[in-house]
Amino acid sequence: MNPIISILQGLGKIEDTWRPHIVGTVNNHALKVARIEGEFVWHHHDESDEGFYVLKGEFTMQYREGEQHLAEGDFVCVPKGVEHRPVADQPCWILLFEKQGTINTG
């Protein structure tokens, strides 16, 4: 039996920003927790979609054509090939869903 992982209890231990920590895998996808703050770089992924779930805080997902505001409990899937940039004015903790081997652009 696999261990239960308490993601919310571990958030306070993550001090660095924009550096995802793998907390598990599901069907060849990595589940990563990250603390974000400030602006990330514009980027896209040619081979895979990227999912963002807000655990704590809020952030804006910017696209070349507009933006979406996400708050705690919100989820967005950025389709492969779509250029995007997450921006968080205050500290925010997210759970990323990415195909294993996806390179952290930052």
N, C-alpha and C. Protein backbone atom coordinates (compact mmCIF):
# COMPACT_ATOMS: atom_id res chain seq x y z
N MET A 1 0.85 -1.17 0.00
CA MET A 1 0.00 0.00 0.00
C MET A 1 0.90 1.24 0.00
N ASN A 2 0.56 2.23 -0.82
CA ASN A 2 1.33 3.47 -0.91
C ASN A 2 1.02 4.39 0.27
N PRO A 3 2.01 5.17 0.69
CA PRO A 3 1.77 6.09 1.82
C PRO A 3 0.87 7.25 1.41
N ILE A 4 0.16 7.78 2.37
CA ILE A 4 -0.66 8.98 2.16
C ILE A 4 0.26 10.18 2.29
N ILE A 5 0.11 11.13 1.37
CA ILE A 5 0.93 12.33 1.37
C ILE A 5 0.07 13.51 1.78
N SER A 6 0.49 14.24 2.80
CA SER A 6 -0.24 15.43 3.25
C SER A 6 0.39 16.65 2.58
N ILE A 7 -0.13 17.01 1.43
CA ILE A 7 0.44 18.12 0.66
C ILE A 7 0.27 19.45 1.39
N LEU A 8 -0.91 19.71 1.92
CA LEU A 8 -1.16 21.00 2.57
C LEU A 8 -0.28 21.22 3.79
N GLN A 9 0.01 20.17 4.55
CA GLN A 9 0.86 20.32 5.73
C GLN A 9 2.30 20.63 5.35
N GLY A 10 2.72 20.22 4.16
CA GLY A 10 4.10 20.43 3.74
C GLY A 10 4.36 21.77 3.06
N LEU A 11 3.32 22.55 2.82
CA LEU A 11 3.50 23.80 2.08
C LEU A 11 4.45 24.77 2.79
N GLY A 12 4.38 24.86 4.09
CA GLY A 12 5.22 25.79 4.83
C GLY A 12 6.71 25.48 4.74
N LYS A 13 7.04 24.25 4.36
CA LYS A 13 8.45 23.86 4.24
C LYS A 13 9.07 24.31 2.92
N ILE A 14 8.24 24.73 1.98
CA ILE A 14 8.74 25.16 0.67
C ILE A 14 9.01 26.66 0.72
N GLU A 15 10.27 27.03 0.73
CA GLU A 15 10.64 28.44 0.83
C GLU A 15 11.07 29.03 -0.50
N ASP A 16 11.66 28.22 -1.38
CA ASP A 16 12.13 28.73 -2.67
C ASP A 16 10.96 28.85 -3.64
N THR A 17 11.06 29.79 -4.56
CA THR A 17 9.98 30.00 -5.53
C THR A 17 10.36 29.42 -6.89
N TRP A 18 9.32 29.06 -7.64
CA TRP A 18 9.44 28.58 -9.01
C TRP A 18 10.30 27.31 -9.14
N ARG A 19 10.38 26.52 -8.08
CA ARG A 19 11.13 25.28 -8.11
C ARG A 19 10.21 24.14 -7.68
N PRO A 20 9.55 23.48 -8.62
CA PRO A 20 8.59 22.42 -8.28
C PRO A 20 9.25 21.23 -7.58
N HIS A 21 8.51 20.66 -6.63
CA HIS A 21 8.93 19.47 -5.90
C HIS A 21 7.97 18.33 -6.25
N ILE A 22 8.47 17.22 -6.75
CA ILE A 22 7.62 16.10 -7.11
C ILE A 22 7.10 15.43 -5.84
N VAL A 23 5.77 15.28 -5.76
CA VAL A 23 5.16 14.64 -4.59
C VAL A 23 4.53 13.29 -4.94
N GLY A 24 4.44 12.98 -6.22
CA GLY A 24 3.88 11.70 -6.64
C GLY A 24 3.80 11.60 -8.15
N THR A 25 3.41 10.42 -8.61
CA THR A 25 3.22 10.20 -10.05
C THR A 25 1.93 9.43 -10.26
N VAL A 26 1.28 9.72 -11.38
CA VAL A 26 0.06 9.04 -11.78
C VAL A 26 0.09 8.87 -13.29
N ASN A 27 0.04 7.63 -13.76
CA ASN A 27 -0.03 7.36 -15.20
C ASN A 27 0.96 8.18 -16.01
N ASN A 28 2.23 8.09 -15.67
CA ASN A 28 3.30 8.78 -16.41
C ASN A 28 3.21 10.31 -16.31
N HIS A 29 2.51 10.80 -15.29
CA HIS A 29 2.45 12.24 -15.04
C HIS A 29 2.98 12.52 -13.63
N ALA A 30 3.78 13.58 -13.52
CA ALA A 30 4.32 13.99 -12.23
C ALA A 30 3.38 14.99 -11.58
N LEU A 31 3.17 14.83 -10.29
CA LEU A 31 2.43 15.80 -9.49
C LEU A 31 3.47 16.58 -8.72
N LYS A 32 3.50 17.89 -8.95
CA LYS A 32 4.55 18.73 -8.37
C LYS A 32 3.91 19.87 -7.58
N VAL A 33 4.49 20.16 -6.41
CA VAL A 33 4.05 21.30 -5.60
C VAL A 33 5.10 22.39 -5.75
N ALA A 34 4.63 23.62 -5.91
CA ALA A 34 5.56 24.75 -6.04
C ALA A 34 4.99 25.98 -5.34
N ARG A 35 5.91 26.79 -4.84
CA ARG A 35 5.56 28.10 -4.30
C ARG A 35 5.91 29.09 -5.40
N ILE A 36 4.96 29.93 -5.77
CA ILE A 36 5.21 30.91 -6.83
C ILE A 36 4.99 32.31 -6.29
N GLU A 37 5.76 33.24 -6.80
CA GLU A 37 5.60 34.66 -6.44
C GLU A 37 6.37 35.47 -7.48
N GLY A 38 5.76 36.55 -7.95
CA GLY A 38 6.36 37.36 -9.00
C GLY A 38 5.94 36.84 -10.37
N GLU A 39 6.74 37.17 -11.37
CA GLU A 39 6.43 36.77 -12.75
C GLU A 39 7.36 35.65 -13.20
N PHE A 40 6.79 34.63 -13.83
CA PHE A 40 7.58 33.58 -14.44
C PHE A 40 7.87 34.03 -15.88
N VAL A 41 8.65 33.27 -16.59
CA VAL A 41 8.98 33.61 -17.98
C VAL A 41 7.87 33.12 -18.92
N TRP A 42 7.71 33.80 -20.05
CA TRP A 42 6.80 33.32 -21.08
C TRP A 42 7.36 32.01 -21.62
N HIS A 43 6.51 30.99 -21.75
CA HIS A 43 6.98 29.70 -22.26
C HIS A 43 5.80 28.88 -22.77
N HIS A 44 6.11 27.77 -23.40
CA HIS A 44 5.11 26.80 -23.82
C HIS A 44 5.75 25.42 -23.81
N HIS A 45 4.92 24.40 -23.89
CA HIS A 45 5.39 23.01 -23.94
C HIS A 45 4.84 22.40 -25.22
N ASP A 46 5.73 21.98 -26.10
CA ASP A 46 5.32 21.45 -27.40
C ASP A 46 4.65 20.08 -27.31
N GLU A 47 5.02 19.29 -26.30
CA GLU A 47 4.59 17.89 -26.27
C GLU A 47 3.52 17.55 -25.25
N SER A 48 3.15 18.48 -24.39
CA SER A 48 2.26 18.11 -23.29
C SER A 48 1.45 19.29 -22.77
N ASP A 49 0.22 19.00 -22.34
CA ASP A 49 -0.58 19.97 -21.60
C ASP A 49 0.05 20.16 -20.22
N GLU A 50 -0.34 21.23 -19.53
CA GLU A 50 0.16 21.49 -18.18
C GLU A 50 -1.01 21.94 -17.32
N GLY A 51 -1.24 21.24 -16.20
CA GLY A 51 -2.35 21.57 -15.31
C GLY A 51 -1.87 22.30 -14.08
N PHE A 52 -2.64 23.31 -13.65
CA PHE A 52 -2.33 24.12 -12.47
C PHE A 52 -3.53 24.09 -11.53
N TYR A 53 -3.33 23.65 -10.30
CA TYR A 53 -4.37 23.66 -9.27
C TYR A 53 -3.88 24.53 -8.12
N VAL A 54 -4.68 25.51 -7.71
CA VAL A 54 -4.26 26.43 -6.65
C VAL A 54 -4.60 25.82 -5.29
N LEU A 55 -3.55 25.54 -4.52
CA LEU A 55 -3.70 25.00 -3.18
C LEU A 55 -3.94 26.09 -2.15
N LYS A 56 -3.18 27.19 -2.28
CA LYS A 56 -3.27 28.29 -1.31
C LYS A 56 -2.85 29.57 -2.00
N GLY A 57 -3.65 30.62 -1.87
CA GLY A 57 -3.33 31.90 -2.49
C GLY A 57 -4.07 32.08 -3.80
N GLU A 58 -3.50 32.91 -4.66
CA GLU A 58 -4.11 33.18 -5.96
C GLU A 58 -3.04 33.67 -6.93
N PHE A 59 -3.30 33.51 -8.21
CA PHE A 59 -2.38 34.00 -9.23
C PHE A 59 -3.13 34.24 -10.53
N THR A 60 -2.45 34.89 -11.46
CA THR A 60 -3.02 35.15 -12.78
C THR A 60 -2.22 34.38 -13.81
N MET A 61 -2.94 33.67 -14.68
CA MET A 61 -2.30 32.99 -15.81
C MET A 61 -2.44 33.91 -17.01
N GLN A 62 -1.32 34.41 -17.49
CA GLN A 62 -1.34 35.30 -18.65
C GLN A 62 -1.11 34.50 -19.92
N TYR A 63 -1.84 34.89 -20.95
CA TYR A 63 -1.69 34.33 -22.30
C TYR A 63 -1.46 35.52 -23.22
N ARG A 64 -0.96 35.29 -24.38
CA ARG A 64 -0.75 36.39 -25.33
C ARG A 64 -2.09 37.03 -25.71
N GLU A 65 -3.20 36.27 -25.58
CA GLU A 65 -4.52 36.78 -25.97
C GLU A 65 -5.36 37.25 -24.79
N GLY A 66 -4.84 37.19 -23.57
CA GLY A 66 -5.64 37.59 -22.41
C GLY A 66 -5.09 36.95 -21.15
N GLU A 67 -5.94 36.87 -20.11
CA GLU A 67 -5.49 36.29 -18.85
C GLU A 67 -6.67 35.71 -18.08
N GLN A 68 -6.34 34.84 -17.11
CA GLN A 68 -7.33 34.23 -16.22
C GLN A 68 -6.84 34.37 -14.79
N HIS A 69 -7.75 34.77 -13.89
CA HIS A 69 -7.40 34.86 -12.47
C HIS A 69 -7.82 33.56 -11.79
N LEU A 70 -6.92 32.96 -11.03
CA LEU A 70 -7.22 31.72 -10.32
C LEU A 70 -7.06 31.93 -8.82
N ALA A 71 -8.02 31.40 -8.04
CA ALA A 71 -7.99 31.49 -6.58
C ALA A 71 -7.95 30.07 -6.01
N GLU A 72 -7.85 29.96 -4.68
CA GLU A 72 -7.78 28.66 -4.03
C GLU A 72 -8.89 27.74 -4.53
N GLY A 73 -8.49 26.53 -4.89
CA GLY A 73 -9.45 25.54 -5.38
C GLY A 73 -9.67 25.56 -6.88
N ASP A 74 -9.15 26.56 -7.58
CA ASP A 74 -9.33 26.65 -9.03
C ASP A 74 -8.28 25.80 -9.75
N PHE A 75 -8.67 25.32 -10.93
CA PHE A 75 -7.79 24.51 -11.77
C PHE A 75 -7.88 25.02 -13.20
N VAL A 76 -6.74 25.05 -13.88
CA VAL A 76 -6.73 25.38 -15.30
C VAL A 76 -5.74 24.45 -16.00
N CYS A 77 -6.11 24.04 -17.19
CA CYS A 77 -5.22 23.23 -18.03
C CYS A 77 -4.78 24.09 -19.20
N VAL A 78 -3.47 24.26 -19.34
CA VAL A 78 -2.91 25.00 -20.46
C VAL A 78 -2.56 23.98 -21.54
N PRO A 79 -3.23 24.03 -22.68
CA PRO A 79 -2.96 23.05 -23.74
C PRO A 79 -1.53 23.15 -24.29
N LYS A 80 -1.03 22.03 -24.75
CA LYS A 80 0.33 22.03 -25.32
C LYS A 80 0.41 23.05 -26.44
N GLY A 81 1.57 23.69 -26.51
CA GLY A 81 1.81 24.67 -27.56
C GLY A 81 1.33 26.08 -27.26
N VAL A 82 0.54 26.27 -26.18
CA VAL A 82 0.01 27.59 -25.86
C VAL A 82 1.01 28.34 -24.98
N GLU A 83 1.43 29.52 -25.42
CA GLU A 83 2.37 30.32 -24.65
C GLU A 83 1.65 30.93 -23.46
N HIS A 84 2.28 30.85 -22.30
CA HIS A 84 1.66 31.32 -21.07
C HIS A 84 2.72 31.77 -20.07
N ARG A 85 2.25 32.51 -19.04
CA ARG A 85 3.14 33.00 -17.99
C ARG A 85 2.32 33.16 -16.71
N PRO A 86 2.63 32.39 -15.65
CA PRO A 86 1.97 32.60 -14.38
C PRO A 86 2.57 33.81 -13.65
N VAL A 87 1.71 34.59 -13.00
CA VAL A 87 2.13 35.77 -12.25
C VAL A 87 1.38 35.76 -10.92
N ALA A 88 2.14 35.87 -9.81
CA ALA A 88 1.53 35.91 -8.48
C ALA A 88 2.05 37.14 -7.74
N ASP A 89 1.14 38.04 -7.39
CA ASP A 89 1.52 39.25 -6.66
C ASP A 89 1.94 38.94 -5.22
N GLN A 90 1.38 37.89 -4.65
CA GLN A 90 1.69 37.44 -3.29
C GLN A 90 2.08 35.96 -3.37
N PRO A 91 2.71 35.40 -2.33
CA PRO A 91 3.03 33.97 -2.37
C PRO A 91 1.80 33.13 -2.64
N CYS A 92 1.97 32.13 -3.48
CA CYS A 92 0.89 31.22 -3.87
C CYS A 92 1.49 29.82 -4.00
N TRP A 93 0.76 28.81 -3.57
CA TRP A 93 1.21 27.42 -3.68
C TRP A 93 0.30 26.69 -4.65
N ILE A 94 0.92 26.00 -5.60
CA ILE A 94 0.17 25.31 -6.64
C ILE A 94 0.57 23.84 -6.72
N LEU A 95 -0.33 23.05 -7.27
CA LEU A 95 -0.06 21.66 -7.61
C LEU A 95 -0.05 21.59 -9.12
N LEU A 96 1.09 21.18 -9.68
CA LEU A 96 1.24 21.07 -11.13
C LEU A 96 1.03 19.64 -11.57
N PHE A 97 0.38 19.47 -12.71
CA PHE A 97 0.21 18.16 -13.33
C PHE A 97 0.94 18.22 -14.66
N GLU A 98 2.06 17.50 -14.75
CA GLU A 98 2.87 17.54 -15.96
C GLU A 98 3.32 16.14 -16.35
N LYS A 99 3.46 15.91 -17.63
CA LYS A 99 4.00 14.65 -18.11
C LYS A 99 5.41 14.50 -17.54
N GLN A 100 5.75 13.30 -17.06
CA GLN A 100 7.08 13.08 -16.52
C GLN A 100 8.14 13.47 -17.56
N GLY A 101 9.17 14.13 -17.07
CA GLY A 101 10.25 14.57 -17.96
C GLY A 101 10.07 15.98 -18.48
N THR A 102 8.92 16.61 -18.18
CA THR A 102 8.71 18.00 -18.61
C THR A 102 9.72 18.89 -17.90
N ILE A 103 10.43 19.69 -18.67
CA ILE A 103 11.46 20.56 -18.11
C ILE A 103 10.85 21.82 -17.53
N ASN A 104 11.27 22.18 -16.32
CA ASN A 104 10.86 23.44 -15.71
C ASN A 104 11.60 24.55 -16.44
N THR A 105 10.88 25.37 -17.16
CA THR A 105 11.45 26.39 -18.03
C THR A 105 12.29 27.41 -17.26
N GLY A 106 11.89 27.72 -16.02
CA GLY A 106 12.58 28.77 -15.28
C GLY A 106 13.86 28.28 -14.67
